[in-house]
Amino acid sequence: MLIQKMLSSTFSKQLRKIERKKIYMVFGFRGKRDKSKRIKMVKVASTYCRQFILTLDDINGESKTVVEEELYNLTKPFTNGEVIMDRTMAIKKMWEIGGSGDWIFVIGKGHENYQDIFHLQTKNDIETIQYLIEWEKGEDR
């Protein structure tokens, strides 16, 4: 499992010695994909992250209501997880929570365009992070 390997690897252990204070993660699950891996991924995130947010990824024709219910059920056993369905607002929340030296992982979409329209009018995760960098500088307030 890529997330577990990434967070539990020797590389990760060495990185923890650097000035990193906390790890935060934003990720979601694509609709109509293997659901058996989801709880494993949430457990890994809960173990290694100070906080994680499950959010909307491409639902591929599944009902948003069903997806949202599943995300809430996956986070119930964990005190450090929450659900924010708007992917851009989930990324923004972690951006605001994270401090100097903290690590924020945004897993999933990357450069792929969003299939949904979210609060921040950005096309993908990279644009959302670029927007937040500019917003933080005060250039887009």
Protein backbone atom coordinates (compact mmCIF):
# COMPACT_ATOMS: atom_id res chain seq x y z
CA MET A 1 0.00 0.00 0.00
CA LEU A 2 1.66 3.20 -1.21
CA ILE A 3 0.53 5.51 1.61
CA GLN A 4 1.67 3.07 4.30
CA LYS A 5 5.00 2.49 2.57
CA MET A 6 5.52 6.21 2.18
CA LEU A 7 4.69 7.09 5.79
CA SER A 8 6.35 4.12 7.48
CA SER A 9 9.48 3.84 5.37
CA THR A 10 13.03 4.46 6.51
CA PHE A 11 12.82 7.60 4.39
CA SER A 12 9.87 8.82 6.45
CA LYS A 13 11.64 8.01 9.71
CA GLN A 14 14.64 10.06 8.61
CA LEU A 15 12.38 12.91 7.53
CA ARG A 16 10.80 12.96 10.99
CA LYS A 17 14.19 13.92 12.40
CA ILE A 18 14.20 17.05 10.27
CA GLU A 19 12.24 20.09 11.41
CA ARG A 20 8.87 18.51 10.68
CA LYS A 21 6.45 18.91 13.55
CA LYS A 22 3.24 17.27 12.38
CA ILE A 23 1.87 15.39 9.37
CA TYR A 24 -1.53 16.25 7.91
CA MET A 25 -3.26 14.51 5.01
CA VAL A 26 -6.16 15.18 2.66
CA PHE A 27 -7.39 12.34 0.48
CA GLY A 28 -10.47 10.71 -0.97
CA PHE A 29 -11.60 7.60 -2.76
CA ARG A 30 -12.75 7.27 -6.34
CA GLY A 31 -16.19 5.89 -6.91
CA LYS A 32 -16.66 2.38 -8.26
CA ARG A 33 -13.18 1.28 -7.16
CA ASP A 34 -11.92 -1.38 -4.72
CA LYS A 35 -13.56 -0.52 -1.40
CA SER A 36 -11.64 -3.15 0.59
CA LYS A 37 -8.54 -0.93 0.77
CA ARG A 38 -10.32 2.12 2.16
CA ILE A 39 -10.37 1.24 5.85
CA LYS A 40 -6.70 0.20 5.63
CA MET A 41 -5.79 3.58 4.17
CA VAL A 42 -7.76 5.41 6.86
CA LYS A 43 -6.04 3.38 9.60
CA VAL A 44 -2.62 4.25 8.17
CA ALA A 45 -3.55 7.94 7.97
CA SER A 46 -4.85 7.88 11.54
CA THR A 47 -1.67 6.20 12.78
CA TYR A 48 0.84 8.53 11.16
CA CYS A 49 -1.03 11.83 10.83
CA ARG A 50 -1.87 14.44 13.42
CA GLN A 51 -5.08 14.98 11.47
CA PHE A 52 -6.56 13.72 8.23
CA ILE A 53 -9.51 14.78 6.11
CA LEU A 54 -11.46 12.50 3.84
CA THR A 55 -12.89 14.42 0.91
CA LEU A 56 -14.58 14.05 -2.43
CA ASP A 57 -12.62 12.51 -5.25
CA ASP A 58 -14.13 11.51 -8.58
CA ILE A 59 -17.27 9.61 -7.69
CA ASN A 60 -17.61 8.07 -11.16
CA GLY A 61 -21.40 7.98 -11.16
CA GLU A 62 -21.92 6.93 -7.52
CA SER A 63 -24.39 8.91 -5.43
CA LYS A 64 -22.73 11.79 -3.51
CA THR A 65 -24.97 10.96 -0.56
CA VAL A 66 -23.76 7.35 -0.49
CA VAL A 67 -20.11 8.44 -0.84
CA GLU A 68 -20.49 11.01 1.95
CA GLU A 69 -22.09 8.45 4.28
CA GLU A 70 -19.27 6.00 3.61
CA LEU A 71 -16.63 8.66 4.35
CA TYR A 72 -18.32 9.53 7.67
CA ASN A 73 -18.51 5.86 8.60
CA LEU A 74 -14.81 5.40 7.82
CA THR A 75 -13.80 8.26 10.13
CA LYS A 76 -16.09 7.36 13.06
CA PRO A 77 -13.56 5.16 14.91
CA PHE A 78 -10.81 7.80 14.70
CA THR A 79 -10.55 11.01 16.71
CA ASN A 80 -8.11 12.64 14.30
CA GLY A 81 -10.18 12.30 11.13
CA GLU A 82 -13.01 14.30 9.63
CA VAL A 83 -14.96 14.64 6.41
CA ILE A 84 -15.14 17.79 4.30
CA MET A 85 -16.87 17.03 1.01
CA ASP A 86 -15.60 20.16 -0.75
CA ARG A 87 -12.08 19.12 -1.75
CA THR A 88 -10.81 22.70 -2.09
CA MET A 89 -12.06 23.61 1.38
CA ALA A 90 -10.50 20.45 2.84
CA ILE A 91 -7.13 21.46 1.38
CA LYS A 92 -7.64 25.04 2.61
CA LYS A 93 -8.40 23.86 6.14
CA MET A 94 -5.21 21.78 6.31
CA TRP A 95 -3.28 24.70 4.82
CA GLU A 96 -4.56 26.93 7.63
CA ILE A 97 -3.92 24.36 10.38
CA GLY A 98 -0.40 23.45 9.28
CA GLY A 99 2.44 25.45 10.76
CA SER A 100 6.04 26.07 9.92
CA GLY A 101 7.84 22.75 9.55
CA ASP A 102 4.62 20.72 9.30
CA TRP A 103 3.95 18.44 6.37
CA ILE A 104 0.69 18.52 4.44
CA PHE A 105 0.05 15.65 2.03
CA VAL A 106 -2.69 16.13 -0.56
CA ILE A 107 -3.18 12.71 -2.09
CA GLY A 108 -5.10 11.83 -5.21
CA LYS A 109 -5.94 14.34 -7.89
CA GLY A 110 -2.71 16.27 -8.39
CA HIS A 111 -2.84 17.78 -11.86
CA GLU A 112 -6.06 15.94 -12.86
CA ASN A 113 -8.98 18.32 -13.28
CA TYR A 114 -11.81 18.12 -10.76
CA GLN A 115 -15.05 16.60 -12.01
CA ASP A 116 -17.06 18.66 -9.51
CA ILE A 117 -17.32 22.38 -8.93
CA PHE A 118 -16.01 23.39 -5.51
CA HIS A 119 -15.97 26.59 -3.44
CA LEU A 120 -12.53 27.70 -4.61
CA GLN A 121 -12.74 28.11 -8.36
CA THR A 122 -9.63 26.05 -9.13
CA LYS A 123 -9.33 23.22 -11.61
CA ASN A 124 -7.16 20.75 -9.66
CA ASP A 125 -5.14 20.22 -6.47
CA ILE A 126 -2.06 21.95 -7.85
CA GLU A 127 -4.06 25.09 -8.72
CA THR A 128 -5.72 24.98 -5.30
CA ILE A 129 -2.35 24.95 -3.54
CA GLN A 130 -1.02 27.70 -5.83
CA TYR A 131 -4.12 29.75 -5.02
CA LEU A 132 -3.54 29.25 -1.28
CA ILE A 133 0.10 30.32 -1.59
CA GLU A 134 -0.99 33.54 -3.30
CA TRP A 135 -3.85 34.02 -0.83
CA GLU A 136 -1.43 33.64 2.06
CA LYS A 137 0.80 36.31 0.55
CA GLY A 138 -2.23 38.61 0.53
CA GLU A 139 -2.25 39.00 -3.22
CA ASP A 140 -5.71 37.44 -3.71
CA ARG A 141 -7.70 38.48 -0.64
